[in-house]
Amino acid sequence: MARDSNGTDHSADYDALLAQLTAMREEMSKLATQVAASASERGAAVADTMTQGLADARTYAGRKTHQADVQIEHAVAANPYLALGLAAGLGLLLGAVTRR
C-alpha cells in the first residue's frame, strides 16, 4: 500500500487511474482501427475514381486523335500540292536546324 506522509492510502486512486488509462488505451486502439479502415475505404474510392477518369481521358484522347487524323487526311486529299510544299518546307527547316 502506498501511503503519503499523512498516512493516507492512495492505492485505490492509483488503481482507478490505471483502469481509466487502460480503458483510454483500448478506446484509442479502436479509434485508430476505425480511422485506418475509413482511410482505406476512401483511398480505394479515390483510386477507382482516378482509374475511371483516366479511362475516360484515354477514350476522349483517342476519339480526338482519330478526328484530327481524318481532318488531316481530308485536307491533304483536297490540297495535295500545298501539303507536299508544307512537308518539304518543314523538312528543309528541320534539316537546317539540326545541322548546326
PDB file of N, CA and C in Angstrom:
ATOM      1  N   MET A   1       0.814  -1.167   0.000  1.00  0.00           N
ATOM      2  CA  MET A   1       0.000   0.000   0.000  1.00  0.00           C
ATOM      3  C   MET A   1       0.869   1.246   0.000  1.00  0.00           C
ATOM      4  N   ALA A   2       0.444   2.206  -0.839  1.00  0.00           N
ATOM      5  CA  ALA A   2       1.181   3.462  -0.914  1.00  0.00           C
ATOM      6  C   ALA A   2       0.547   4.478   0.011  1.00  0.00           C
ATOM      7  N   ARG A   3       1.327   4.960   0.977  1.00  0.00           N
ATOM      8  CA  ARG A   3       0.825   5.950   1.928  1.00  0.00           C
ATOM      9  C   ARG A   3       1.701   7.190   1.838  1.00  0.00           C
ATOM     10  N   ASP A   4       1.057   8.327   1.986  1.00  0.00           N
ATOM     11  CA  ASP A   4       1.836   9.557   1.994  1.00  0.00           C
ATOM     12  C   ASP A   4       2.276   9.880   3.417  1.00  0.00           C
ATOM     13  N   SER A   5       2.851  11.057   3.621  1.00  0.00           N
ATOM     14  CA  SER A   5       3.362  11.424   4.936  1.00  0.00           C
ATOM     15  C   SER A   5       2.253  11.580   5.971  1.00  0.00           C
ATOM     16  N   ASN A   6       1.004  11.769   5.504  1.00  0.00           N
ATOM     17  CA  ASN A   6      -0.126  11.877   6.429  1.00  0.00           C
ATOM     18  C   ASN A   6      -0.717  10.516   6.769  1.00  0.00           C
ATOM     19  N   GLY A   7      -0.245   9.472   6.104  1.00  0.00           N
ATOM     20  CA  GLY A   7      -0.753   8.136   6.360  1.00  0.00           C
ATOM     21  C   GLY A   7      -1.951   7.778   5.501  1.00  0.00           C
ATOM     22  N   THR A   8      -2.264   8.601   4.471  1.00  0.00           N
ATOM     23  CA  THR A   8      -3.414   8.345   3.599  1.00  0.00           C
ATOM     24  C   THR A   8      -3.036   7.294   2.566  1.00  0.00           C
ATOM     25  N   ASP A   9      -3.925   6.339   2.354  1.00  0.00           N
ATOM     26  CA  ASP A   9      -3.701   5.262   1.394  1.00  0.00           C
ATOM     27  C   ASP A   9      -4.160   5.731   0.004  1.00  0.00           C
ATOM     28  N   HIS A  10      -3.265   5.717  -0.975  1.00  0.00           N
ATOM     29  CA  HIS A  10      -3.559   6.182  -2.324  1.00  0.00           C
ATOM     30  C   HIS A  10      -3.638   5.031  -3.321  1.00  0.00           C
ATOM     31  N   SER A  11      -3.602   3.816  -2.888  1.00  0.00           N
ATOM     32  CA  SER A  11      -3.620   2.684  -3.802  1.00  0.00           C
ATOM     33  C   SER A  11      -4.949   2.603  -4.560  1.00  0.00           C
ATOM     34  N   ALA A  12      -6.046   2.995  -3.959  1.00  0.00           N
ATOM     35  CA  ALA A  12      -7.342   2.968  -4.649  1.00  0.00           C
ATOM     36  C   ALA A  12      -7.361   4.004  -5.773  1.00  0.00           C
ATOM     37  N   ASP A  13      -6.797   5.183  -5.497  1.00  0.00           N
ATOM     38  CA  ASP A  13      -6.724   6.222  -6.529  1.00  0.00           C
ATOM     39  C   ASP A  13      -5.831   5.762  -7.680  1.00  0.00           C
ATOM     40  N   TYR A  14      -4.724   5.144  -7.316  1.00  0.00           N
ATOM     41  CA  TYR A  14      -3.797   4.643  -8.334  1.00  0.00           C
ATOM     42  C   TYR A  14      -4.469   3.579  -9.195  1.00  0.00           C
ATOM     43  N   ASP A  15      -5.183   2.656  -8.569  1.00  0.00           N
ATOM     44  CA  ASP A  15      -5.880   1.595  -9.325  1.00  0.00           C
ATOM     45  C   ASP A  15      -6.953   2.179 -10.235  1.00  0.00           C
ATOM     46  N   ALA A  16      -7.689   3.171  -9.761  1.00  0.00           N
ATOM     47  CA  ALA A  16      -8.725   3.810 -10.575  1.00  0.00           C
ATOM     48  C   ALA A  16      -8.102   4.525 -11.775  1.00  0.00           C
ATOM     49  N   LEU A  17      -6.990   5.216 -11.534  1.00  0.00           N
ATOM     50  CA  LEU A  17      -6.300   5.916 -12.613  1.00  0.00           C
ATOM     51  C   LEU A  17      -5.767   4.920 -13.632  1.00  0.00           C
ATOM     52  N   LEU A  18      -5.207   3.825 -13.153  1.00  0.00           N
ATOM     53  CA  LEU A  18      -4.694   2.785 -14.040  1.00  0.00           C
ATOM     54  C   LEU A  18      -5.814   2.185 -14.886  1.00  0.00           C
ATOM     55  N   ALA A  19      -6.980   1.964 -14.281  1.00  0.00           N
ATOM     56  CA  ALA A  19      -8.124   1.424 -15.016  1.00  0.00           C
ATOM     57  C   ALA A  19      -8.591   2.418 -16.077  1.00  0.00           C
ATOM     58  N   GLN A  20      -8.609   3.697 -15.752  1.00  0.00           N
ATOM     59  CA  GLN A  20      -9.007   4.712 -16.730  1.00  0.00           C
ATOM     60  C   GLN A  20      -8.021   4.791 -17.882  1.00  0.00           C
ATOM     61  N   LEU A  21      -6.741   4.720 -17.579  1.00  0.00           N
ATOM     62  CA  LEU A  21      -5.722   4.752 -18.631  1.00  0.00           C
ATOM     63  C   LEU A  21      -5.822   3.523 -19.538  1.00  0.00           C
ATOM     64  N   THR A  22      -6.099   2.377 -18.952  1.00  0.00           N
ATOM     65  CA  THR A  22      -6.265   1.152 -19.736  1.00  0.00           C
ATOM     66  C   THR A  22      -7.478   1.274 -20.653  1.00  0.00           C
ATOM     67  N   ALA A  23      -8.580   1.790 -20.113  1.00  0.00           N
ATOM     68  CA  ALA A  23      -9.788   1.973 -20.919  1.00  0.00           C
ATOM     69  C   ALA A  23      -9.526   2.981 -22.041  1.00  0.00           C
ATOM     70  N   MET A  24      -8.801   4.043 -21.744  1.00  0.00           N
ATOM     71  CA  MET A  24      -8.486   5.054 -22.748  1.00  0.00           C
ATOM     72  C   MET A  24      -7.602   4.461 -23.846  1.00  0.00           C
ATOM     73  N   ARG A  25      -6.637   3.641 -23.462  1.00  0.00           N
ATOM     74  CA  ARG A  25      -5.759   2.995 -24.429  1.00  0.00           C
ATOM     75  C   ARG A  25      -6.562   2.098 -25.372  1.00  0.00           C
ATOM     76  N   GLU A  26      -7.530   1.349 -24.818  1.00  0.00           N
ATOM     77  CA  GLU A  26      -8.370   0.480 -25.640  1.00  0.00           C
ATOM     78  C   GLU A  26      -9.237   1.289 -26.596  1.00  0.00           C
ATOM     79  N   GLU A  27      -9.790   2.403 -26.109  1.00  0.00           N
ATOM     80  CA  GLU A  27     -10.611   3.264 -26.968  1.00  0.00           C
ATOM     81  C   GLU A  27      -9.769   3.874 -28.091  1.00  0.00           C
ATOM     82  N   MET A  28      -8.556   4.291 -27.767  1.00  0.00           N
ATOM     83  CA  MET A  28      -7.663   4.852 -28.784  1.00  0.00           C
ATOM     84  C   MET A  28      -7.303   3.806 -29.833  1.00  0.00           C
ATOM     85  N   SER A  29      -7.120   2.581 -29.394  1.00  0.00           N
ATOM     86  CA  SER A  29      -6.821   1.492 -30.320  1.00  0.00           C
ATOM     87  C   SER A  29      -7.994   1.251 -31.271  1.00  0.00           C
ATOM     88  N   LYS A  30      -9.212   1.246 -30.710  1.00  0.00           N
ATOM     89  CA  LYS A  30     -10.406   1.075 -31.550  1.00  0.00           C
ATOM     90  C   LYS A  30     -10.547   2.226 -32.534  1.00  0.00           C
ATOM     91  N   LEU A  31     -10.317   3.445 -32.055  1.00  0.00           N
ATOM     92  CA  LEU A  31     -10.411   4.624 -32.908  1.00  0.00           C
ATOM     93  C   LEU A  31      -9.384   4.563 -34.037  1.00  0.00           C
ATOM     94  N   ALA A  32      -8.171   4.163 -33.715  1.00  0.00           N
ATOM     95  CA  ALA A  32      -7.129   4.048 -34.738  1.00  0.00           C
ATOM     96  C   ALA A  32      -7.518   3.015 -35.795  1.00  0.00           C
ATOM     97  N   THR A  33      -8.104   1.910 -35.369  1.00  0.00           N
ATOM     98  CA  THR A  33      -8.551   0.883 -36.308  1.00  0.00           C
ATOM     99  C   THR A  33      -9.657   1.417 -37.208  1.00  0.00           C
ATOM    100  N   GLN A  34     -10.602   2.165 -36.630  1.00  0.00           N
ATOM    101  CA  GLN A  34     -11.692   2.735 -37.419  1.00  0.00           C
ATOM    102  C   GLN A  34     -11.183   3.773 -38.404  1.00  0.00           C
ATOM    103  N   VAL A  35     -10.246   4.599 -37.978  1.00  0.00           N
ATOM    104  CA  VAL A  35      -9.678   5.618 -38.870  1.00  0.00           C
ATOM    105  C   VAL A  35      -8.923   4.950 -40.014  1.00  0.00           C
ATOM    106  N   ALA A  36      -8.169   3.907 -39.713  1.00  0.00           N
ATOM    107  CA  ALA A  36      -7.433   3.193 -40.758  1.00  0.00           C
ATOM    108  C   ALA A  36      -8.392   2.565 -41.762  1.00  0.00           C
ATOM    109  N   ALA A  37      -9.483   1.985 -41.280  1.00  0.00           N
ATOM    110  CA  ALA A  37     -10.464   1.374 -42.177  1.00  0.00           C
ATOM    111  C   ALA A  37     -11.127   2.436 -43.046  1.00  0.00           C
ATOM    112  N   SER A  38     -11.467   3.562 -42.458  1.00  0.00           N
ATOM    113  CA  SER A  38     -12.091   4.650 -43.210  1.00  0.00           C
ATOM    114  C   SER A  38     -11.132   5.193 -44.265  1.00  0.00           C
ATOM    115  N   ALA A  39      -9.877   5.367 -43.886  1.00  0.00           N
ATOM    116  CA  ALA A  39      -8.880   5.863 -44.841  1.00  0.00           C
ATOM    117  C   ALA A  39      -8.681   4.867 -45.970  1.00  0.00           C
ATOM    118  N   SER A  40      -8.700   3.599 -45.654  1.00  0.00           N
ATOM    119  CA  SER A  40      -8.541   2.574 -46.682  1.00  0.00           C
ATOM    120  C   SER A  40      -9.708   2.603 -47.659  1.00  0.00           C
ATOM    121  N   GLU A  41     -10.920   2.752 -47.128  1.00  0.00           N
ATOM    122  CA  GLU A  41     -12.097   2.826 -47.996  1.00  0.00           C
ATOM    123  C   GLU A  41     -12.054   4.060 -48.872  1.00  0.00           C
ATOM    124  N   ARG A  42     -11.687   5.186 -48.277  1.00  0.00           N
ATOM    125  CA  ARG A  42     -11.594   6.424 -49.059  1.00  0.00           C
ATOM    126  C   ARG A  42     -10.505   6.317 -50.122  1.00  0.00           C
ATOM    127  N   GLY A  43      -9.397   5.718 -49.757  1.00  0.00           N
ATOM    128  CA  GLY A  43      -8.313   5.541 -50.724  1.00  0.00           C
ATOM    129  C   GLY A  43      -8.749   4.671 -51.893  1.00  0.00           C
ATOM    130  N   ALA A  44      -9.491   3.615 -51.591  1.00  0.00           N
ATOM    131  CA  ALA A  44      -9.985   2.745 -52.664  1.00  0.00           C
ATOM    132  C   ALA A  44     -10.971   3.496 -53.546  1.00  0.00           C
ATOM    133  N   ALA A  45     -11.819   4.315 -52.939  1.00  0.00           N
ATOM    134  CA  ALA A  45     -12.784   5.096 -53.727  1.00  0.00           C
ATOM    135  C   ALA A  45     -12.064   6.108 -54.612  1.00  0.00           C
ATOM    136  N   VAL A  46     -11.044   6.757 -54.072  1.00  0.00           N
ATOM    137  CA  VAL A  46     -10.273   7.718 -54.866  1.00  0.00           C
ATOM    138  C   VAL A  46      -9.551   7.002 -56.010  1.00  0.00           C
ATOM    139  N   ALA A  47      -8.991   5.838 -55.732  1.00  0.00           N
ATOM    140  CA  ALA A  47      -8.302   5.076 -56.778  1.00  0.00           C
ATOM    141  C   ALA A  47      -9.279   4.670 -57.885  1.00  0.00           C
ATOM    142  N   ASP A  48     -10.481   4.248 -57.504  1.00  0.00           N
ATOM    143  CA  ASP A  48     -11.484   3.888 -58.510  1.00  0.00           C
ATOM    144  C   ASP A  48     -11.874   5.096 -59.350  1.00  0.00           C
ATOM    145  N   THR A  49     -12.062   6.232 -58.694  1.00  0.00           N
ATOM    146  CA  THR A  49     -12.421   7.457 -59.410  1.00  0.00           C
ATOM    147  C   THR A  49     -11.318   7.860 -60.376  1.00  0.00           C
ATOM    148  N   MET A  50     -10.075   7.772 -59.911  1.00  0.00           N
ATOM    149  CA  MET A  50      -8.945   8.137 -60.779  1.00  0.00           C
ATOM    150  C   MET A  50      -8.837   7.179 -61.958  1.00  0.00           C
ATOM    151  N   THR A  51      -9.034   5.898 -61.712  1.00  0.00           N
ATOM    152  CA  THR A  51      -8.964   4.915 -62.789  1.00  0.00           C
ATOM    153  C   THR A  51     -10.037   5.189 -63.834  1.00  0.00           C
ATOM    154  N   GLN A  52     -11.252   5.479 -63.373  1.00  0.00           N
ATOM    155  CA  GLN A  52     -12.340   5.790 -64.302  1.00  0.00           C
ATOM    156  C   GLN A  52     -12.047   7.080 -65.071  1.00  0.00           C
ATOM    157  N   GLY A  53     -11.503   8.079 -64.375  1.00  0.00           N
ATOM    158  CA  GLY A  53     -11.152   9.341 -65.029  1.00  0.00           C
ATOM    159  C   GLY A  53     -10.079   9.149 -66.085  1.00  0.00           C
ATOM    160  N   LEU A  54      -9.084   8.332 -65.780  1.00  0.00           N
ATOM    161  CA  LEU A  54      -8.028   8.070 -66.771  1.00  0.00           C
ATOM    162  C   LEU A  54      -8.565   7.293 -67.967  1.00  0.00           C
ATOM    163  N   ALA A  55      -9.466   6.364 -67.713  1.00  0.00           N
ATOM    164  CA  ALA A  55     -10.074   5.616 -68.820  1.00  0.00           C
ATOM    165  C   ALA A  55     -10.889   6.556 -69.701  1.00  0.00           C
ATOM    166  N   ASP A  56     -11.639   7.463 -69.073  1.00  0.00           N
ATOM    167  CA  ASP A  56     -12.407   8.442 -69.848  1.00  0.00           C
ATOM    168  C   ASP A  56     -11.488   9.353 -70.652  1.00  0.00           C
ATOM    169  N   ALA A  57     -10.383   9.781 -70.035  1.00  0.00           N
ATOM    170  CA  ALA A  57      -9.423  10.646 -70.729  1.00  0.00           C
ATOM    171  C   ALA A  57      -8.787   9.915 -71.905  1.00  0.00           C
ATOM    172  N   ARG A  58      -8.474   8.640 -71.720  1.00  0.00           N
ATOM    173  CA  ARG A  58      -7.888   7.852 -72.798  1.00  0.00           C
ATOM    174  C   ARG A  58      -8.870   7.726 -73.967  1.00  0.00           C
ATOM    175  N   THR A  59     -10.138   7.485 -73.644  1.00  0.00           N
ATOM    176  CA  THR A  59     -11.171   7.377 -74.679  1.00  0.00           C
ATOM    177  C   THR A  59     -11.323   8.702 -75.418  1.00  0.00           C
ATOM    178  N   TYR A  60     -11.371   9.797 -74.665  1.00  0.00           N
ATOM    179  CA  TYR A  60     -11.510  11.126 -75.261  1.00  0.00           C
ATOM    180  C   TYR A  60     -10.319  11.445 -76.161  1.00  0.00           C
ATOM    181  N   ALA A  61      -9.106  11.178 -75.675  1.00  0.00           N
ATOM    182  CA  ALA A  61      -7.903  11.457 -76.461  1.00  0.00           C
ATOM    183  C   ALA A  61      -7.884  10.608 -77.733  1.00  0.00           C
ATOM    184  N   GLY A  62      -8.280   9.361 -77.632  1.00  0.00           N
ATOM    185  CA  GLY A  62      -8.323   8.502 -78.821  1.00  0.00           C
ATOM    186  C   GLY A  62      -9.322   9.000 -79.848  1.00  0.00           C
ATOM    187  N   ARG A  63     -10.482   9.444 -79.363  1.00  0.00           N
ATOM    188  CA  ARG A  63     -11.510   9.957 -80.270  1.00  0.00           C
ATOM    189  C   ARG A  63     -11.033  11.242 -80.948  1.00  0.00           C
ATOM    190  N   LYS A  64     -10.436  12.158 -80.185  1.00  0.00           N
ATOM    191  CA  LYS A  64      -9.945  13.416 -80.750  1.00  0.00           C
ATOM    192  C   LYS A  64      -8.791  13.178 -81.725  1.00  0.00           C
ATOM    193  N   THR A  65      -7.927  12.230 -81.400  1.00  0.00           N
ATOM    194  CA  THR A  65      -6.822  11.894 -82.303  1.00  0.00           C
ATOM    195  C   THR A  65      -7.355  11.351 -83.614  1.00  0.00           C
ATOM    196  N   HIS A  66      -8.331  10.491 -83.542  1.00  0.00           N
ATOM    197  CA  HIS A  66      -8.925   9.936 -84.759  1.00  0.00           C
ATOM    198  C   HIS A  66      -9.586  11.045 -85.580  1.00  0.00           C
ATOM    199  N   GLN A  67     -10.304  11.967 -84.912  1.00  0.00           N
ATOM    200  CA  GLN A  67     -10.934  13.073 -85.634  1.00  0.00           C
ATOM    201  C   GLN A  67      -9.886  13.946 -86.316  1.00  0.00           C
ATOM    202  N   ALA A  68      -8.781  14.235 -85.632  1.00  0.00           N
ATOM    203  CA  ALA A  68      -7.713  15.040 -86.226  1.00  0.00           C
ATOM    204  C   ALA A  68      -7.091  14.313 -87.413  1.00  0.00           C
ATOM    205  N   ASP A  69      -6.918  13.009 -87.281  1.00  0.00           N
ATOM    206  CA  ASP A  69      -6.362  12.216 -88.368  1.00  0.00           C
ATOM    207  C   ASP A  69      -7.254  12.272 -89.601  1.00  0.00           C
ATOM    208  N   VAL A  70      -8.539  12.135 -89.396  1.00  0.00           N
ATOM    209  CA  VAL A  70      -9.485  12.198 -90.515  1.00  0.00           C
ATOM    210  C   VAL A  70      -9.467  13.582 -91.148  1.00  0.00           C
ATOM    211  N   GLN A  71      -9.431  14.648 -90.343  1.00  0.00           N
ATOM    212  CA  GLN A  71      -9.398  16.009 -90.878  1.00  0.00           C
ATOM    213  C   GLN A  71      -8.123  16.253 -91.690  1.00  0.00           C
ATOM    214  N   ILE A  72      -6.998  15.751 -91.205  1.00  0.00           N
ATOM    215  CA  ILE A  72      -5.734  15.924 -91.934  1.00  0.00           C
ATOM    216  C   ILE A  72      -5.777  15.171 -93.255  1.00  0.00           C
ATOM    217  N   GLU A  73      -6.304  13.969 -93.223  1.00  0.00           N
ATOM    218  CA  GLU A  73      -6.411  13.201 -94.468  1.00  0.00           C
ATOM    219  C   GLU A  73      -7.286  13.917 -95.487  1.00  0.00           C
ATOM    220  N   HIS A  74      -8.387  14.485 -95.046  1.00  0.00           N
ATOM    221  CA  HIS A  74      -9.262  15.224 -95.958  1.00  0.00           C
ATOM    222  C   HIS A  74      -8.576  16.477 -96.495  1.00  0.00           C
ATOM    223  N   ALA A  75      -7.843  17.192 -95.612  1.00  0.00           N
ATOM    224  CA  ALA A  75      -7.144  18.401 -96.040  1.00  0.00           C
ATOM    225  C   ALA A  75      -6.051  18.071 -97.048  1.00  0.00           C
ATOM    226  N   VAL A  76      -5.329  16.982 -96.831  1.00  0.00           N
ATOM    227  CA  VAL A  76      -4.269  16.577 -97.768  1.00  0.00           C
ATOM    228  C   VAL A  76      -4.878  16.125 -99.090  1.00  0.00           C
ATOM    229  N   ALA A  77      -5.988  15.399 -99.025  1.00  0.00           N
ATOM    230  CA  ALA A  77      -6.651  14.943-100.252  1.00  0.00           C
ATOM    231  C   ALA A  77      -7.200  16.130-101.041  1.00  0.00           C
ATOM    232  N   ALA A  78      -7.678  17.161-100.345  1.00  0.00           N
ATOM    233  CA  ALA A  78      -8.236  18.333-101.025  1.00  0.00           C
ATOM    234  C   ALA A  78      -7.141  19.231-101.588  1.00  0.00           C
ATOM    235  N   ASN A  79      -5.969  19.292-100.945  1.00  0.00           N
ATOM    236  CA  ASN A  79      -4.873  20.182-101.373  1.00  0.00           C
ATOM    237  C   ASN A  79      -3.552  19.420-101.368  1.00  0.00           C
ATOM    238  N   PRO A  80      -3.351  18.515-102.303  1.00  0.00           N
ATOM    239  CA  PRO A  80      -2.132  17.693-102.251  1.00  0.00           C
ATOM    240  C   PRO A  80      -0.853  18.487-102.488  1.00  0.00           C
ATOM    241  N   TYR A  81      -0.873  19.491-103.364  1.00  0.00           N
ATOM    242  CA  TYR A  81       0.344  20.251-103.642  1.00  0.00           C
ATOM    243  C   TYR A  81       0.731  21.146-102.461  1.00  0.00           C
ATOM    244  N   LEU A  82      -0.258  21.711-101.807  1.00  0.00           N
ATOM    245  CA  LEU A  82       0.013  22.518-100.623  1.00  0.00           C
ATOM    246  C   LEU A  82       0.610  21.638 -99.526  1.00  0.00           C
ATOM    247  N   ALA A  83       0.067  20.453 -99.332  1.00  0.00           N
ATOM    248  CA  ALA A  83       0.582  19.529 -98.321  1.00  0.00           C
ATOM    249  C   ALA A  83       2.012  19.126 -98.649  1.00  0.00           C
ATOM    250  N   LEU A  84       2.297  18.866 -99.925  1.00  0.00           N
ATOM    251  CA  LEU A  84       3.645  18.494-100.342  1.00  0.00           C
ATOM    252  C   LEU A  84       4.619  19.647-100.106  1.00  0.00           C
ATOM    253  N   GLY A  85       4.194  20.870-100.401  1.00  0.00           N
ATOM    254  CA  GLY A  85       5.041  22.046-100.173  1.00  0.00           C
ATOM    255  C   GLY A  85       5.318  22.265 -98.694  1.00  0.00           C
ATOM    256  N   LEU A  86       4.284  22.118 -97.861  1.00  0.00           N
ATOM    257  CA  LEU A  86       4.488  22.263 -96.420  1.00  0.00           C
ATOM    258  C   LEU A  86       5.437  21.203 -95.879  1.00  0.00           C
ATOM    259  N   ALA A  87       5.293  19.978 -96.343  1.00  0.00           N
ATOM    260  CA  ALA A  87       6.165  18.904 -95.878  1.00  0.00           C
ATOM    261  C   ALA A  87       7.605  19.162 -96.293  1.00  0.00           C
ATOM    262  N   ALA A  88       7.798  19.607 -97.524  1.00  0.00           N
ATOM    263  CA  ALA A  88       9.155  19.897 -97.987  1.00  0.00           C
ATOM    264  C   ALA A  88       9.750  21.068 -97.202  1.00  0.00           C
ATOM    265  N   GLY A  89       8.978  22.112 -96.965  1.00  0.00           N
ATOM    266  CA  GLY A  89       9.465  23.272 -96.219  1.00  0.00           C
ATOM    267  C   GLY A  89       9.839  22.907 -94.791  1.00  0.00           C
ATOM    268  N   LEU A  90       8.995  22.120 -94.137  1.00  0.00           N
ATOM    269  CA  LEU A  90       9.310  21.681 -92.778  1.00  0.00           C
ATOM    270  C   LEU A  90      10.544  20.789 -92.755  1.00  0.00           C
ATOM    271  N   GLY A  91      10.697  19.960 -93.769  1.00  0.00           N
ATOM    272  CA  GLY A  91      11.879  19.100 -93.848  1.00  0.00           C
ATOM    273  C   GLY A  91      13.151  19.912 -93.997  1.00  0.00           C
ATOM    274  N   LEU A  92      13.111  20.936 -94.860  1.00  0.00           N
ATOM    275  CA  LEU A  92      14.285  21.799 -95.031  1.00  0.00           C
ATOM    276  C   LEU A  92      14.590  22.574 -93.744  1.00  0.00           C
ATOM    277  N   LEU A  93      13.561  23.089 -93.111  1.00  0.00           N
ATOM    278  CA  LEU A  93      13.747  23.833 -91.862  1.00  0.00           C
ATOM    279  C   LEU A  93      14.333  22.944 -90.771  1.00  0.00           C
ATOM    280  N   LEU A  94      13.806  21.761 -90.637  1.00  0.00           N
ATOM    281  CA  LEU A  94      14.298  20.827 -89.624  1.00  0.00           C
ATOM    282  C   LEU A  94      15.746  20.428 -89.928  1.00  0.00           C
ATOM    283  N   GLY A  95      16.036  20.201 -91.207  1.00  0.00           N
ATOM    284  CA  GLY A  95      17.409  19.861 -91.583  1.00  0.00           C
ATOM    285  C   GLY A  95      18.381  20.979 -91.287  1.00  0.00           C
ATOM    286  N   ALA A  96      17.971  22.223 -91.532  1.00  0.00           N
ATOM    287  CA  ALA A  96      18.848  23.357 -91.263  1.00  0.00           C
ATOM    288  C   ALA A  96      19.069  23.543 -89.762  1.00  0.00           C
ATOM    289  N   VAL A  97      18.054  23.324 -88.977  1.00  0.00           N
ATOM    290  CA  VAL A  97      18.186  23.497 -87.522  1.00  0.00           C
ATOM    291  C   VAL A  97      19.071  22.416 -86.922  1.00  0.00           C
ATOM    292  N   THR A  98      18.919  21.188 -87.346  1.00  0.00           N
ATOM    293  CA  THR A  98      19.691  20.098 -86.756  1.00  0.00           C
ATOM    294  C   THR A  98      21.115  20.037 -87.292  1.00  0.00           C
ATOM    295  N   ARG A  99      21.391  20.684 -88.408  1.00  0.00           N
ATOM    296  CA  ARG A  99      22.727  20.660 -88.992  1.00  0.00           C
ATOM    297  C   ARG A  99      23.711  21.493 -88.194  1.00  0.00           C
ATOM    298  N   ARG A 100      23.232  22.490 -87.534  1.00  0.00           N
ATOM    299  CA  ARG A 100      24.128  23.404 -86.797  1.00  0.00           C
ATOM    300  C   ARG A 100      24.527  22.870 -85.496  1.00  0.00           C
TER     301      ARG A 100
END
